[in-house]
Amino acid sequence: MTKDGYKSIAYLGSEGSYSFLAAKRYFLKGTIMLGKKGFIDIFDSVSENSVETGVIPLENSLTGSIYESYDLLLSRNLQIVGEVILHINHLLLTREDNKVIKKDILSKATVCFAHPEAFRQCRKFFLQQSQIDQVFVEDTAKAISQLLKSNEVNAFAIGNEYQSQKYSLRILEKEFTDSKENFTRFVMVSKRKNRTGTKASLIFSVAHKPGSLIRALTPYAAHGLNLTKIESRPVLGKPWEYIFLIDLNLGDNPDRLTKVLEAMKVHVNYVKVLGVYEKGNVYDA
């Protein structure tokens, strides 16, 4: 028996990626897990019924929203059906045969493999170590693969505890992110829509005129709904016009969302519910 009845899931990257770890945390044993190369591949797999659900990163507490995920949620007919939050603790890893001693690590390091998001979350460290060549890869698991294949003696990768144990890698730095409060929120997407939940995510657009946003949001306050996120994003091809991304807590009365949407529709150009789901738990990656 798998969580929420899902038997198969697509995740970003390969075994050891953070999407893989998020899926492991969310789903029970017995779920078939398939790694995919990109976000579009995950959405295609779910849309074409190759898998029942997919897991994608949606936002990070240090670097913000991951807009490729939002763009696909807006354009595709999939719903958010769950979420899980990982506390990210990046590790600076190297091969076991790299004999450099820790005090010389910064002067000896020549190249580091990581996903661009990982480099952004460790920006201060790499600004101070400009001699390190940053090599972008598709995901955390790919970074480890590149490290193991590299001919560079002093090659490194940003990875996690799972990978360090699986591949017997040396941990050279444990805490070098810009902040210890580094969390990534992952969501599960599916063709199957939830009927109930304690949380909801929406995207909407308003007319480009004074007061339109406040009129669209007034129904939330009137019905006692707490917005936990509101963010604007430019509309492609329409300079100075924006879409808005919002999350809200529904509490124990999800029916309030229907009433809010009815009141909201007269003040917006369009609104799309991205999903209604249970608020996710937080785990160490």
C-alpha atoms as a PDB file:
ATOM      1  CA  MET A   1       0.000   0.000   0.000  1.00  0.00           C
ATOM      2  CA  THR A   2       1.544   3.342  -1.080  1.00  0.00           C
ATOM      3  CA  LYS A   3       0.780   6.801   0.229  1.00  0.00           C
ATOM      4  CA  ASP A   4      -2.392   8.305  -1.275  1.00  0.00           C
ATOM      5  CA  GLY A   5      -2.736   5.200  -3.447  1.00  0.00           C
ATOM      6  CA  TYR A   6       0.034   6.143  -5.898  1.00  0.00           C
ATOM      7  CA  LYS A   7       2.124   3.235  -7.124  1.00  0.00           C
ATOM      8  CA  SER A   8       4.639   4.984  -9.400  1.00  0.00           C
ATOM      9  CA  ILE A   9       6.479   8.314  -9.354  1.00  0.00           C
ATOM     10  CA  ALA A  10       8.868  10.254 -11.577  1.00  0.00           C
ATOM     11  CA  TYR A  11      11.544  12.371  -9.927  1.00  0.00           C
ATOM     12  CA  LEU A  12      14.246  14.723 -11.188  1.00  0.00           C
ATOM     13  CA  GLY A  13      17.685  13.204 -11.763  1.00  0.00           C
ATOM     14  CA  SER A  14      18.855   9.830 -10.529  1.00  0.00           C
ATOM     15  CA  GLU A  15      19.272   8.038  -7.211  1.00  0.00           C
ATOM     16  CA  GLY A  16      20.614  10.399  -4.580  1.00  0.00           C
ATOM     17  CA  SER A  17      19.225  13.642  -6.038  1.00  0.00           C
ATOM     18  CA  TYR A  18      17.207  15.825  -3.670  1.00  0.00           C
ATOM     19  CA  SER A  19      14.054  15.070  -5.665  1.00  0.00           C
ATOM     20  CA  PHE A  20      14.796  11.379  -5.114  1.00  0.00           C
ATOM     21  CA  LEU A  21      15.163  11.987  -1.366  1.00  0.00           C
ATOM     22  CA  ALA A  22      11.912  13.987  -1.296  1.00  0.00           C
ATOM     23  CA  ALA A  23      10.096  11.129  -3.010  1.00  0.00           C
ATOM     24  CA  LYS A  24      11.583   8.645  -0.539  1.00  0.00           C
ATOM     25  CA  ARG A  25      10.326  10.766   2.350  1.00  0.00           C
ATOM     26  CA  TYR A  26       6.823  11.228   0.952  1.00  0.00           C
ATOM     27  CA  PHE A  27       5.987   7.802  -0.441  1.00  0.00           C
ATOM     28  CA  LEU A  28       5.865   4.489   1.342  1.00  0.00           C
ATOM     29  CA  LYS A  29       7.976   1.481   0.430  1.00  0.00           C
ATOM     30  CA  GLY A  30       6.779  -0.277  -2.678  1.00  0.00           C
ATOM     31  CA  THR A  31       6.392   2.786  -4.884  1.00  0.00           C
ATOM     32  CA  ILE A  32       8.073   2.425  -8.279  1.00  0.00           C
ATOM     33  CA  MET A  33      10.484   5.353  -8.659  1.00  0.00           C
ATOM     34  CA  LEU A  34      11.777   6.496 -12.058  1.00  0.00           C
ATOM     35  CA  GLY A  35      14.416   9.196 -12.571  1.00  0.00           C
ATOM     36  CA  LYS A  36      13.904  11.767 -15.349  1.00  0.00           C
ATOM     37  CA  LYS A  37      16.281  14.235 -16.968  1.00  0.00           C
ATOM     38  CA  GLY A  38      14.156  17.372 -16.747  1.00  0.00           C
ATOM     39  CA  PHE A  39      10.981  19.015 -15.489  1.00  0.00           C
ATOM     40  CA  ILE A  40       9.220  18.596 -18.830  1.00  0.00           C
ATOM     41  CA  ASP A  41      10.051  14.883 -18.833  1.00  0.00           C
ATOM     42  CA  ILE A  42       8.341  14.528 -15.445  1.00  0.00           C
ATOM     43  CA  PHE A  43       5.202  16.345 -16.601  1.00  0.00           C
ATOM     44  CA  ASP A  44       5.114  14.346 -19.841  1.00  0.00           C
ATOM     45  CA  SER A  45       5.442  11.061 -17.964  1.00  0.00           C
ATOM     46  CA  VAL A  46       2.488  11.918 -15.720  1.00  0.00           C
ATOM     47  CA  SER A  47       0.389  13.346 -18.578  1.00  0.00           C
ATOM     48  CA  GLU A  48       0.985  10.232 -20.704  1.00  0.00           C
ATOM     49  CA  ASN A  49       0.213   7.873 -17.790  1.00  0.00           C
ATOM     50  CA  SER A  50       3.726   6.409 -17.727  1.00  0.00           C
ATOM     51  CA  VAL A  51       3.666   7.158 -13.987  1.00  0.00           C
ATOM     52  CA  GLU A  52       0.869   8.186 -11.657  1.00  0.00           C
ATOM     53  CA  THR A  53       2.590  11.176 -10.089  1.00  0.00           C
ATOM     54  CA  GLY A  54       5.761  13.238 -10.238  1.00  0.00           C
ATOM     55  CA  VAL A  55       7.811  15.194  -7.696  1.00  0.00           C
ATOM     56  CA  ILE A  56       9.260  18.608  -8.565  1.00  0.00           C
ATOM     57  CA  PRO A  57      11.024  21.335  -6.557  1.00  0.00           C
ATOM     58  CA  LEU A  58       8.837  24.430  -6.273  1.00  0.00           C
ATOM     59  CA  GLU A  59      10.776  26.893  -4.134  1.00  0.00           C
ATOM     60  CA  ASN A  60      13.812  27.315  -1.918  1.00  0.00           C
ATOM     61  CA  SER A  61      13.990  29.418   1.221  1.00  0.00           C
ATOM     62  CA  LEU A  62      17.233  31.105   0.076  1.00  0.00           C
ATOM     63  CA  THR A  63      16.783  31.539  -3.674  1.00  0.00           C
ATOM     64  CA  GLY A  64      13.006  31.750  -4.046  1.00  0.00           C
ATOM     65  CA  SER A  65      10.530  30.207  -6.463  1.00  0.00           C
ATOM     66  CA  ILE A  66      11.543  27.835  -9.236  1.00  0.00           C
ATOM     67  CA  TYR A  67       9.672  29.362 -12.123  1.00  0.00           C
ATOM     68  CA  GLU A  68      10.050  26.468 -14.547  1.00  0.00           C
ATOM     69  CA  SER A  69       7.850  24.454 -12.186  1.00  0.00           C
ATOM     70  CA  TYR A  70       5.231  27.208 -12.005  1.00  0.00           C
ATOM     71  CA  ASP A  71       5.243  27.670 -15.784  1.00  0.00           C
ATOM     72  CA  LEU A  72       4.503  23.981 -16.288  1.00  0.00           C
ATOM     73  CA  LEU A  73       1.793  23.974 -13.625  1.00  0.00           C
ATOM     74  CA  LEU A  74       0.188  26.922 -15.398  1.00  0.00           C
ATOM     75  CA  SER A  75       0.361  25.435 -18.898  1.00  0.00           C
ATOM     76  CA  ARG A  76      -0.263  21.750 -18.157  1.00  0.00           C
ATOM     77  CA  ASN A  77      -3.372  20.066 -16.840  1.00  0.00           C
ATOM     78  CA  LEU A  78      -1.792  18.605 -13.697  1.00  0.00           C
ATOM     79  CA  GLN A  79      -2.603  19.337 -10.058  1.00  0.00           C
ATOM     80  CA  ILE A  80      -0.511  19.618  -6.919  1.00  0.00           C
ATOM     81  CA  VAL A  81      -1.635  16.743  -4.700  1.00  0.00           C
ATOM     82  CA  GLY A  82       0.961  16.833  -1.914  1.00  0.00           C
ATOM     83  CA  GLU A  83       4.110  18.460  -0.628  1.00  0.00           C
ATOM     84  CA  VAL A  84       7.214  17.674   1.389  1.00  0.00           C
ATOM     85  CA  ILE A  85       9.901  20.050   2.654  1.00  0.00           C
ATOM     86  CA  LEU A  86      13.548  19.064   2.929  1.00  0.00           C
ATOM     87  CA  HIS A  87      16.059  20.786   5.196  1.00  0.00           C
ATOM     88  CA  ILE A  88      19.049  20.998   2.867  1.00  0.00           C
ATOM     89  CA  ASN A  89      22.552  20.585   4.255  1.00  0.00           C
ATOM     90  CA  HIS A  90      24.956  20.647   1.325  1.00  0.00           C
ATOM     91  CA  LEU A  91      28.223  18.774   1.679  1.00  0.00           C
ATOM     92  CA  LEU A  92      31.436  19.467  -0.206  1.00  0.00           C
ATOM     93  CA  LEU A  93      32.512  16.008  -1.369  1.00  0.00           C
ATOM     94  CA  THR A  94      35.549  14.525  -3.058  1.00  0.00           C
ATOM     95  CA  ARG A  95      36.724  11.036  -3.973  1.00  0.00           C
ATOM     96  CA  GLU A  96      38.271   8.810  -1.336  1.00  0.00           C
ATOM     97  CA  ASP A  97      41.557   8.740  -3.274  1.00  0.00           C
ATOM     98  CA  ASN A  98      41.908  12.544  -3.012  1.00  0.00           C
ATOM     99  CA  LYS A  99      44.565  12.766  -0.288  1.00  0.00           C
ATOM    100  CA  VAL A 100      44.567  16.551   0.091  1.00  0.00           C
ATOM    101  CA  ILE A 101      44.365  17.507   3.752  1.00  0.00           C
ATOM    102  CA  LYS A 102      41.515  19.716   4.846  1.00  0.00           C
ATOM    103  CA  LYS A 103      43.619  22.777   5.629  1.00  0.00           C
ATOM    104  CA  ASP A 104      44.831  22.812   2.004  1.00  0.00           C
ATOM    105  CA  ILE A 105      41.432  22.189   0.436  1.00  0.00           C
ATOM    106  CA  LEU A 106      40.738  25.753  -0.660  1.00  0.00           C
ATOM    107  CA  SER A 107      44.111  26.265  -2.317  1.00  0.00           C
ATOM    108  CA  LYS A 108      44.045  22.856  -4.020  1.00  0.00           C
ATOM    109  CA  ALA A 109      40.443  22.836  -5.274  1.00  0.00           C
ATOM    110  CA  THR A 110      40.238  23.293  -9.044  1.00  0.00           C
ATOM    111  CA  VAL A 111      36.738  22.272 -10.159  1.00  0.00           C
ATOM    112  CA  CYS A 112      33.364  21.680  -8.507  1.00  0.00           C
ATOM    113  CA  PHE A 113      30.307  19.984 -10.033  1.00  0.00           C
ATOM    114  CA  ALA A 114      26.823  20.979  -8.891  1.00  0.00           C
ATOM    115  CA  HIS A 115      23.346  21.951  -9.968  1.00  0.00           C
ATOM    116  CA  PRO A 116      23.103  25.740 -10.528  1.00  0.00           C
ATOM    117  CA  GLU A 117      20.651  25.991  -7.629  1.00  0.00           C
ATOM    118  CA  ALA A 118      23.217  24.434  -5.266  1.00  0.00           C
ATOM    119  CA  PHE A 119      25.847  26.965  -6.357  1.00  0.00           C
ATOM    120  CA  ARG A 120      23.385  29.800  -5.724  1.00  0.00           C
ATOM    121  CA  GLN A 121      22.692  28.494  -2.223  1.00  0.00           C
ATOM    122  CA  CYS A 122      26.461  28.463  -1.527  1.00  0.00           C
ATOM    123  CA  ARG A 123      27.174  31.756  -3.303  1.00  0.00           C
ATOM    124  CA  LYS A 124      29.271  33.373  -0.552  1.00  0.00           C
ATOM    125  CA  PHE A 125      31.619  30.390  -0.321  1.00  0.00           C
ATOM    126  CA  PHE A 126      32.337  30.354  -4.055  1.00  0.00           C
ATOM    127  CA  LEU A 127      32.731  34.132  -4.262  1.00  0.00           C
ATOM    128  CA  GLN A 128      35.598  33.763  -1.805  1.00  0.00           C
ATOM    129  CA  GLN A 129      37.079  30.854  -3.760  1.00  0.00           C
ATOM    130  CA  SER A 130      37.219  32.298  -7.263  1.00  0.00           C
ATOM    131  CA  GLN A 131      39.896  29.799  -8.338  1.00  0.00           C
ATOM    132  CA  ILE A 132      37.302  26.998  -8.319  1.00  0.00           C
ATOM    133  CA  ASP A 133      35.781  26.368 -11.728  1.00  0.00           C
ATOM    134  CA  GLN A 134      32.025  25.925 -11.287  1.00  0.00           C
ATOM    135  CA  VAL A 135      30.623  23.253 -13.616  1.00  0.00           C
ATOM    136  CA  PHE A 136      26.825  23.166 -13.888  1.00  0.00           C
ATOM    137  CA  VAL A 137      25.059  19.800 -14.146  1.00  0.00           C
ATOM    138  CA  GLU A 138      21.409  18.717 -14.310  1.00  0.00           C
ATOM    139  CA  ASP A 139      21.018  17.546 -10.713  1.00  0.00           C
ATOM    140  CA  THR A 140      22.869  16.575  -7.545  1.00  0.00           C
ATOM    141  CA  ALA A 141      23.204  12.944  -8.582  1.00  0.00           C
ATOM    142  CA  LYS A 142      24.789  13.981 -11.893  1.00  0.00           C
ATOM    143  CA  ALA A 143      27.301  16.071  -9.950  1.00  0.00           C
ATOM    144  CA  ILE A 144      28.466  12.958  -8.114  1.00  0.00           C
ATOM    145  CA  SER A 145      28.633  10.998 -11.361  1.00  0.00           C
ATOM    146  CA  GLN A 146      30.833  13.690 -12.907  1.00  0.00           C
ATOM    147  CA  LEU A 147      33.039  13.739  -9.822  1.00  0.00           C
ATOM    148  CA  LEU A 148      33.615   9.978 -10.009  1.00  0.00           C
ATOM    149  CA  LYS A 149      34.437  10.176 -13.731  1.00  0.00           C
ATOM    150  CA  SER A 150      36.649  13.275 -13.510  1.00  0.00           C
ATOM    151  CA  ASN A 151      40.364  13.090 -14.271  1.00  0.00           C
ATOM    152  CA  GLU A 152      40.953  16.155 -12.108  1.00  0.00           C
ATOM    153  CA  VAL A 153      42.875  15.220  -8.973  1.00  0.00           C
ATOM    154  CA  ASN A 154      41.284  17.999  -6.949  1.00  0.00           C
ATOM    155  CA  ALA A 155      37.732  17.743  -8.222  1.00  0.00           C
ATOM    156  CA  PHE A 156      34.797  18.239  -5.871  1.00  0.00           C
ATOM    157  CA  ALA A 157      31.005  18.145  -5.928  1.00  0.00           C
ATOM    158  CA  ILE A 158      28.155  19.514  -3.866  1.00  0.00           C
ATOM    159  CA  GLY A 159      26.150  16.582  -2.580  1.00  0.00           C
ATOM    160  CA  ASN A 160      24.383  15.107   0.423  1.00  0.00           C
ATOM    161  CA  GLU A 161      24.775  12.529   3.179  1.00  0.00           C
ATOM    162  CA  TYR A 162      23.028   9.801   1.194  1.00  0.00           C
ATOM    163  CA  GLN A 163      25.537  10.142  -1.638  1.00  0.00           C
ATOM    164  CA  SER A 164      28.563  10.351   0.621  1.00  0.00           C
ATOM    165  CA  GLN A 165      27.633   6.995   2.149  1.00  0.00           C
ATOM    166  CA  LYS A 166      26.538   5.282  -1.057  1.00  0.00           C
ATOM    167  CA  TYR A 167      29.712   6.170  -2.983  1.00  0.00           C
ATOM    168  CA  SER A 168      32.175   6.242  -0.044  1.00  0.00           C
ATOM    169  CA  LEU A 169      33.060   9.886  -0.630  1.00  0.00           C
ATOM    170  CA  ARG A 170      35.100  12.136   1.668  1.00  0.00           C
ATOM    171  CA  ILE A 171      33.216  14.966   3.345  1.00  0.00           C
ATOM    172  CA  LEU A 172      35.375  18.097   3.353  1.00  0.00           C
ATOM    173  CA  GLU A 173      32.849  20.731   4.354  1.00  0.00           C
ATOM    174  CA  LYS A 174      29.520  20.185   6.117  1.00  0.00           C
ATOM    175  CA  GLU A 175      28.152  23.698   6.558  1.00  0.00           C
ATOM    176  CA  PHE A 176      29.006  26.125   3.800  1.00  0.00           C
ATOM    177  CA  THR A 177      25.635  27.290   2.528  1.00  0.00           C
ATOM    178  CA  ASP A 178      24.749  30.968   2.832  1.00  0.00           C
ATOM    179  CA  SER A 179      22.381  30.088   5.689  1.00  0.00           C
ATOM    180  CA  LYS A 180      21.675  27.053   7.836  1.00  0.00           C
ATOM    181  CA  GLU A 181      17.971  27.797   7.339  1.00  0.00           C
ATOM    182  CA  ASN A 182      17.999  26.255   3.879  1.00  0.00           C
ATOM    183  CA  PHE A 183      14.772  24.481   2.936  1.00  0.00           C
ATOM    184  CA  THR A 184      13.445  23.278  -0.403  1.00  0.00           C
ATOM    185  CA  ARG A 185       9.754  22.671  -0.912  1.00  0.00           C
ATOM    186  CA  PHE A 186       8.821  19.824  -3.243  1.00  0.00           C
ATOM    187  CA  VAL A 187       5.327  19.147  -4.566  1.00  0.00           C
ATOM    188  CA  MET A 188       3.689  16.045  -6.012  1.00  0.00           C
ATOM    189  CA  VAL A 189       1.803  16.532  -9.276  1.00  0.00           C
ATOM    190  CA  SER A 190      -0.852  14.251 -10.727  1.00  0.00           C
ATOM    191  CA  LYS A 191      -3.769  14.102 -13.157  1.00  0.00           C
ATOM    192  CA  ARG A 192      -5.915  13.114 -10.195  1.00  0.00           C
ATOM    193  CA  LYS A 193      -7.325  16.064  -8.256  1.00  0.00           C
ATOM    194  CA  ASN A 194      -7.681  16.073  -4.467  1.00  0.00           C
ATOM    195  CA  ARG A 195     -11.130  16.865  -3.128  1.00  0.00           C
ATOM    196  CA  THR A 196      -9.923  18.016   0.281  1.00  0.00           C
ATOM    197  CA  GLY A 197      -6.817  19.452   1.913  1.00  0.00           C
ATOM    198  CA  THR A 198      -5.555  22.014   4.395  1.00  0.00           C
ATOM    199  CA  LYS A 199      -3.612  24.086   1.875  1.00  0.00           C
ATOM    200  CA  ALA A 200      -4.143  25.466  -1.636  1.00  0.00           C
ATOM    201  CA  SER A 201      -2.018  27.091  -4.360  1.00  0.00           C
ATOM    202  CA  LEU A 202      -3.328  29.426  -7.067  1.00  0.00           C
ATOM    203  CA  ILE A 203      -2.181  31.551  -9.991  1.00  0.00           C
ATOM    204  CA  PHE A 204      -4.190  34.580 -11.106  1.00  0.00           C
ATOM    205  CA  SER A 205      -3.941  37.729 -13.200  1.00  0.00           C
ATOM    206  CA  VAL A 206      -5.631  41.098 -12.712  1.00  0.00           C
ATOM    207  CA  ALA A 207      -6.341  44.073 -14.944  1.00  0.00           C
ATOM    208  CA  HIS A 208      -3.444  46.535 -15.251  1.00  0.00           C
ATOM    209  CA  LYS A 209      -5.141  49.386 -13.372  1.00  0.00           C
ATOM    210  CA  PRO A 210      -5.065  50.900  -9.865  1.00  0.00           C
ATOM    211  CA  GLY A 211      -6.676  48.901  -7.070  1.00  0.00           C
ATOM    212  CA  SER A 212      -7.174  45.690  -9.045  1.00  0.00           C
ATOM    213  CA  LEU A 213      -4.908  43.565  -6.849  1.00  0.00           C
ATOM    214  CA  ILE A 214      -6.399  44.678  -3.534  1.00  0.00           C
ATOM    215  CA  ARG A 215      -9.927  44.006  -4.834  1.00  0.00           C
ATOM    216  CA  ALA A 216      -8.881  40.498  -5.903  1.00  0.00           C
ATOM    217  CA  LEU A 217      -7.417  39.734  -2.473  1.00  0.00           C
ATOM    218  CA  THR A 218     -10.151  41.264  -0.305  1.00  0.00           C
ATOM    219  CA  PRO A 219     -12.309  38.085  -0.310  1.00  0.00           C
ATOM    220  CA  TYR A 220      -9.526  36.159   1.436  1.00  0.00           C
ATOM    221  CA  ALA A 221      -9.584  38.460   4.444  1.00  0.00           C
ATOM    222  CA  ALA A 222     -13.380  38.529   4.430  1.00  0.00           C
ATOM    223  CA  HIS A 223     -13.518  34.729   4.702  1.00  0.00           C
ATOM    224  CA  GLY A 224     -10.699  34.461   7.251  1.00  0.00           C
ATOM    225  CA  LEU A 225      -8.163  32.733   5.017  1.00  0.00           C
ATOM    226  CA  ASN A 226      -4.470  33.245   5.769  1.00  0.00           C
ATOM    227  CA  LEU A 227      -2.182  33.836   2.774  1.00  0.00           C
ATOM    228  CA  THR A 228       1.204  32.217   3.401  1.00  0.00           C
ATOM    229  CA  LYS A 229       2.753  33.353   0.124  1.00  0.00           C
ATOM    230  CA  ILE A 230       2.115  36.000  -2.511  1.00  0.00           C
ATOM    231  CA  GLU A 231       4.563  36.664  -5.313  1.00  0.00           C
ATOM    232  CA  SER A 232       4.368  38.442  -8.654  1.00  0.00           C
ATOM    233  CA  ARG A 233       5.856  37.325 -11.944  1.00  0.00           C
ATOM    234  CA  PRO A 234       5.969  39.194 -15.290  1.00  0.00           C
ATOM    235  CA  VAL A 235       3.585  38.014 -18.003  1.00  0.00           C
ATOM    236  CA  LEU A 236       5.523  36.827 -21.037  1.00  0.00           C
ATOM    237  CA  GLY A 237       4.973  39.172 -23.980  1.00  0.00           C
ATOM    238  CA  LYS A 238       3.088  41.779 -21.923  1.00  0.00           C
ATOM    239  CA  PRO A 239       5.544  44.289 -20.425  1.00  0.00           C
ATOM    240  CA  TRP A 240       4.663  45.566 -16.938  1.00  0.00           C
ATOM    241  CA  GLU A 241       1.803  43.099 -16.500  1.00  0.00           C
ATOM    242  CA  TYR A 242       2.045  40.358 -13.897  1.00  0.00           C
ATOM    243  CA  ILE A 243       0.635  37.076 -12.706  1.00  0.00           C
ATOM    244  CA  PHE A 244       0.429  36.385  -8.992  1.00  0.00           C
ATOM    245  CA  LEU A 245       1.325  33.176  -7.184  1.00  0.00           C
ATOM    246  CA  ILE A 246      -0.362  32.568  -3.841  1.00  0.00           C
ATOM    247  CA  ASP A 247      -0.519  29.856  -1.185  1.00  0.00           C
ATOM    248  CA  LEU A 248      -3.125  29.858   1.549  1.00  0.00           C
ATOM    249  CA  ASN A 249      -4.128  27.829   4.572  1.00  0.00           C
ATOM    250  CA  LEU A 250      -7.633  26.395   4.379  1.00  0.00           C
ATOM    251  CA  GLY A 251      -7.668  25.072   7.927  1.00  0.00           C
ATOM    252  CA  ASP A 252     -10.525  22.713   8.699  1.00  0.00           C
ATOM    253  CA  ASN A 253     -12.995  24.350   6.288  1.00  0.00           C
ATOM    254  CA  PRO A 254     -11.871  23.814   2.663  1.00  0.00           C
ATOM    255  CA  ASP A 255     -15.309  24.893   1.393  1.00  0.00           C
ATOM    256  CA  ARG A 256     -14.289  28.511   1.999  1.00  0.00           C
ATOM    257  CA  LEU A 257     -12.055  28.333  -1.061  1.00  0.00           C
ATOM    258  CA  THR A 258     -15.063  27.881  -3.357  1.00  0.00           C
ATOM    259  CA  LYS A 259     -16.726  30.974  -1.918  1.00  0.00           C
ATOM    260  CA  VAL A 260     -13.533  33.011  -2.239  1.00  0.00           C
ATOM    261  CA  LEU A 261     -13.032  31.994  -5.866  1.00  0.00           C
ATOM    262  CA  GLU A 262     -16.580  33.051  -6.720  1.00  0.00           C
ATOM    263  CA  ALA A 263     -16.021  36.472  -5.147  1.00  0.00           C
ATOM    264  CA  MET A 264     -12.591  36.769  -6.719  1.00  0.00           C
ATOM    265  CA  LYS A 265     -13.596  35.997 -10.318  1.00  0.00           C
ATOM    266  CA  VAL A 266     -15.243  39.377 -10.883  1.00  0.00           C
ATOM    267  CA  HIS A 267     -11.920  41.108 -10.142  1.00  0.00           C
ATOM    268  CA  VAL A 268      -9.436  38.968 -12.116  1.00  0.00           C
ATOM    269  CA  ASN A 269      -8.662  38.223 -15.754  1.00  0.00           C
ATOM    270  CA  TYR A 270      -8.288  34.561 -14.884  1.00  0.00           C
ATOM    271  CA  VAL A 271      -7.547  32.316 -11.930  1.00  0.00           C
ATOM    272  CA  LYS A 272      -6.285  28.739 -11.849  1.00  0.00           C
ATOM    273  CA  VAL A 273      -6.221  26.499  -8.798  1.00  0.00           C
ATOM    274  CA  LEU A 274      -2.904  24.630  -8.930  1.00  0.00           C
ATOM    275  CA  GLY A 275      -4.010  22.202  -6.244  1.00  0.00           C
ATOM    276  CA  VAL A 276      -5.602  21.512  -2.889  1.00  0.00           C
ATOM    277  CA  TYR A 277      -3.504  19.285  -0.657  1.00  0.00           C
ATOM    278  CA  GLU A 278      -2.287  18.547   2.856  1.00  0.00           C
ATOM    279  CA  LYS A 279       0.434  20.763   4.305  1.00  0.00           C
ATOM    280  CA  GLY A 280       3.722  18.883   4.074  1.00  0.00           C
ATOM    281  CA  ASN A 281       6.076  17.712   6.793  1.00  0.00           C
ATOM    282  CA  VAL A 282       9.689  18.876   7.149  1.00  0.00           C
ATOM    283  CA  TYR A 283      12.543  16.330   7.002  1.00  0.00           C
ATOM    284  CA  ASP A 284      16.320  16.449   6.999  1.00  0.00           C
ATOM    285  CA  ALA A 285      17.603  15.604   3.533  1.00  0.00           C
END
